[in-house]
Amino acid sequence: MVVSIKNIGAGVSRENVRALFEEFGKIAYIDFAREQVDGFVRFDEEGAAEKAVKAMQEKKPSLGGQENEVALVTGEDEKAYWTKLAETRAQRTSKKHGRSGGKGGRGGKAQRRR
């Protein structure tokens, strides 16, 4: 369900990547930022990633004026991708909720009256 895209040229946005891949199925997330040269496209639908890779290998996409390498993420690379994603989500959650994991704050009017 994950496609890697490498060798992306300068000035390419997430929207450019989306436009290239959206014809193959519903995109769940595009893991890419402007300053990066590699990225990932996650599809919602099973089989969409395979269709995208097959079509892109024939089409030879060019984002940012450079020929891009497109491949299906499988095996150990796929495990590493999902592990990194889980770690990133856990870090965001811990930062958002502080050290104790709670939301903190004073609470609403009802709690302040007690």
C-alpha atoms as a PDB file:
ATOM      1  CA  MET A   1       0.000   0.000   0.000  1.00  0.00           C
ATOM      2  CA  VAL A   2       3.084   2.245   0.072  1.00  0.00           C
ATOM      3  CA  VAL A   3       5.026   3.569  -2.907  1.00  0.00           C
ATOM      4  CA  SER A   4       8.450   5.189  -2.627  1.00  0.00           C
ATOM      5  CA  ILE A   5       9.454   7.933  -5.013  1.00  0.00           C
ATOM      6  CA  LYS A   6      13.090   8.978  -5.228  1.00  0.00           C
ATOM      7  CA  ASN A   7      15.167  11.642  -6.957  1.00  0.00           C
ATOM      8  CA  ILE A   8      12.549  14.397  -6.737  1.00  0.00           C
ATOM      9  CA  GLY A   9      13.802  17.738  -8.017  1.00  0.00           C
ATOM     10  CA  ALA A  10      13.630  21.135  -6.312  1.00  0.00           C
ATOM     11  CA  GLY A  11      10.389  23.088  -6.021  1.00  0.00           C
ATOM     12  CA  VAL A  12       8.066  20.078  -6.015  1.00  0.00           C
ATOM     13  CA  SER A  13       5.136  20.217  -3.593  1.00  0.00           C
ATOM     14  CA  ARG A  14       2.909  17.570  -2.047  1.00  0.00           C
ATOM     15  CA  GLU A  15       0.175  18.677  -4.446  1.00  0.00           C
ATOM     16  CA  ASN A  16       2.447  17.869  -7.420  1.00  0.00           C
ATOM     17  CA  VAL A  17       3.035  14.383  -6.034  1.00  0.00           C
ATOM     18  CA  ARG A  18      -0.709  13.941  -5.404  1.00  0.00           C
ATOM     19  CA  ALA A  19      -1.542  14.965  -8.981  1.00  0.00           C
ATOM     20  CA  LEU A  20       0.869  12.338 -10.299  1.00  0.00           C
ATOM     21  CA  PHE A  21      -0.568   9.459  -8.244  1.00  0.00           C
ATOM     22  CA  GLU A  22      -4.260  10.218  -7.580  1.00  0.00           C
ATOM     23  CA  GLU A  23      -5.497   8.509 -10.747  1.00  0.00           C
ATOM     24  CA  PHE A  24      -4.530   5.119  -9.292  1.00  0.00           C
ATOM     25  CA  GLY A  25      -6.676   5.217  -6.154  1.00  0.00           C
ATOM     26  CA  LYS A  26      -7.552   7.100  -3.005  1.00  0.00           C
ATOM     27  CA  ILE A  27      -4.408   8.469  -1.363  1.00  0.00           C
ATOM     28  CA  ALA A  28      -4.274   8.168   2.427  1.00  0.00           C
ATOM     29  CA  TYR A  29      -1.174  10.312   2.952  1.00  0.00           C
ATOM     30  CA  ILE A  30       1.810  11.770   1.153  1.00  0.00           C
ATOM     31  CA  ASP A  31       4.944  11.598   3.275  1.00  0.00           C
ATOM     32  CA  PHE A  32       6.982  14.319   1.564  1.00  0.00           C
ATOM     33  CA  ALA A  33       8.129  17.902   2.171  1.00  0.00           C
ATOM     34  CA  ARG A  34       9.488  20.442  -0.332  1.00  0.00           C
ATOM     35  CA  GLU A  35      13.130  20.224   0.749  1.00  0.00           C
ATOM     36  CA  GLN A  36      13.249  16.411   0.513  1.00  0.00           C
ATOM     37  CA  VAL A  37      14.410  14.427  -2.512  1.00  0.00           C
ATOM     38  CA  ASP A  38      12.608  11.199  -1.541  1.00  0.00           C
ATOM     39  CA  GLY A  39       9.054  10.596  -0.407  1.00  0.00           C
ATOM     40  CA  PHE A  40       6.303   8.050   0.099  1.00  0.00           C
ATOM     41  CA  VAL A  41       2.714   7.814  -1.083  1.00  0.00           C
ATOM     42  CA  ARG A  42       0.306   5.725   1.026  1.00  0.00           C
ATOM     43  CA  PHE A  43      -2.848   4.466  -0.639  1.00  0.00           C
ATOM     44  CA  ASP A  44      -6.135   3.586   1.073  1.00  0.00           C
ATOM     45  CA  GLU A  45      -7.167   0.978  -1.459  1.00  0.00           C
ATOM     46  CA  GLU A  46      -5.528  -2.404  -1.794  1.00  0.00           C
ATOM     47  CA  GLY A  47      -3.868  -2.914  -5.163  1.00  0.00           C
ATOM     48  CA  ALA A  48      -3.609   0.804  -5.958  1.00  0.00           C
ATOM     49  CA  ALA A  49       0.098   0.948  -5.098  1.00  0.00           C
ATOM     50  CA  GLU A  50       0.886  -1.945  -7.434  1.00  0.00           C
ATOM     51  CA  LYS A  51      -1.054  -0.291 -10.274  1.00  0.00           C
ATOM     52  CA  ALA A  52       0.741   3.003  -9.665  1.00  0.00           C
ATOM     53  CA  VAL A  53       4.211   1.446  -9.686  1.00  0.00           C
ATOM     54  CA  LYS A  54       3.527  -0.548 -12.842  1.00  0.00           C
ATOM     55  CA  ALA A  55       2.210   2.510 -14.695  1.00  0.00           C
ATOM     56  CA  MET A  56       4.982   4.808 -13.430  1.00  0.00           C
ATOM     57  CA  GLN A  57       7.731   2.403 -14.484  1.00  0.00           C
ATOM     58  CA  GLU A  58       6.360   2.591 -18.030  1.00  0.00           C
ATOM     59  CA  LYS A  59       5.656   6.337 -17.912  1.00  0.00           C
ATOM     60  CA  LYS A  60       9.023   7.392 -16.380  1.00  0.00           C
ATOM     61  CA  PRO A  61       7.711  10.271 -14.229  1.00  0.00           C
ATOM     62  CA  SER A  62       9.613  13.521 -13.920  1.00  0.00           C
ATOM     63  CA  LEU A  63       9.015  15.722 -10.876  1.00  0.00           C
ATOM     64  CA  GLY A  64      11.194  18.798 -10.608  1.00  0.00           C
ATOM     65  CA  GLY A  65      12.907  18.184 -13.931  1.00  0.00           C
ATOM     66  CA  GLN A  66      14.535  14.919 -12.875  1.00  0.00           C
ATOM     67  CA  GLU A  67      13.546  11.378 -13.772  1.00  0.00           C
ATOM     68  CA  ASN A  68      12.116   9.764 -10.653  1.00  0.00           C
ATOM     69  CA  GLU A  69      12.504   6.212  -9.372  1.00  0.00           C
ATOM     70  CA  VAL A  70       9.211   4.688  -8.263  1.00  0.00           C
ATOM     71  CA  ALA A  71       9.025   1.386  -6.353  1.00  0.00           C
ATOM     72  CA  LEU A  72       6.661  -0.587  -4.171  1.00  0.00           C
ATOM     73  CA  VAL A  73       7.764  -0.655  -0.527  1.00  0.00           C
ATOM     74  CA  THR A  74       7.875  -4.297   0.608  1.00  0.00           C
ATOM     75  CA  GLY A  75       9.585  -6.637   3.048  1.00  0.00           C
ATOM     76  CA  GLU A  76      12.037  -5.153   5.530  1.00  0.00           C
ATOM     77  CA  ASP A  77      11.697  -1.687   3.990  1.00  0.00           C
ATOM     78  CA  GLU A  78       7.955  -1.787   4.596  1.00  0.00           C
ATOM     79  CA  LYS A  79       8.435  -2.892   8.213  1.00  0.00           C
ATOM     80  CA  ALA A  80      10.941  -0.069   8.752  1.00  0.00           C
ATOM     81  CA  TYR A  81       8.526   2.452   7.213  1.00  0.00           C
ATOM     82  CA  TRP A  82       5.618   1.441   9.487  1.00  0.00           C
ATOM     83  CA  THR A  83       7.899   1.341  12.563  1.00  0.00           C
ATOM     84  CA  LYS A  84       9.178   4.846  11.851  1.00  0.00           C
ATOM     85  CA  LEU A  85       5.610   6.055  11.321  1.00  0.00           C
ATOM     86  CA  ALA A  86       4.499   4.579  14.664  1.00  0.00           C
ATOM     87  CA  GLU A  87       7.455   6.194  16.465  1.00  0.00           C
ATOM     88  CA  THR A  88       6.713   9.576  14.902  1.00  0.00           C
ATOM     89  CA  ARG A  89       3.058   9.361  15.950  1.00  0.00           C
ATOM     90  CA  ALA A  90       4.047   8.379  19.496  1.00  0.00           C
ATOM     91  CA  GLN A  91       6.428  11.337  19.747  1.00  0.00           C
ATOM     92  CA  ARG A  92       3.749  13.752  18.554  1.00  0.00           C
ATOM     93  CA  THR A  93       1.274  12.387  21.068  1.00  0.00           C
ATOM     94  CA  SER A  94       3.724  12.618  23.969  1.00  0.00           C
ATOM     95  CA  LYS A  95       4.646  16.206  23.058  1.00  0.00           C
ATOM     96  CA  LYS A  96       1.019  17.192  22.743  1.00  0.00           C
ATOM     97  CA  HIS A  97       0.009  15.759  26.093  1.00  0.00           C
ATOM     98  CA  GLY A  98       3.092  16.507  28.162  1.00  0.00           C
ATOM     99  CA  ARG A  99       5.087  14.089  30.243  1.00  0.00           C
ATOM    100  CA  SER A 100       2.216  12.658  32.237  1.00  0.00           C
ATOM    101  CA  GLY A 101       0.151  11.833  29.177  1.00  0.00           C
ATOM    102  CA  GLY A 102      -2.822  13.887  30.433  1.00  0.00           C
ATOM    103  CA  LYS A 103      -4.259  16.925  28.776  1.00  0.00           C
ATOM    104  CA  GLY A 104      -3.973  19.180  31.827  1.00  0.00           C
ATOM    105  CA  GLY A 105      -5.660  22.548  31.967  1.00  0.00           C
ATOM    106  CA  ARG A 106      -8.200  24.065  34.359  1.00  0.00           C
ATOM    107  CA  GLY A 107     -11.248  22.320  33.011  1.00  0.00           C
ATOM    108  CA  GLY A 108     -14.622  23.809  32.187  1.00  0.00           C
ATOM    109  CA  LYS A 109     -16.949  25.952  34.340  1.00  0.00           C
ATOM    110  CA  ALA A 110     -18.401  22.930  36.117  1.00  0.00           C
ATOM    111  CA  GLN A 111     -14.987  21.765  37.291  1.00  0.00           C
ATOM    112  CA  ARG A 112     -13.952  25.198  38.549  1.00  0.00           C
ATOM    113  CA  ARG A 113     -17.027  25.507  40.794  1.00  0.00           C
ATOM    114  CA  ARG A 114     -16.143  22.408  42.816  1.00  0.00           C
END
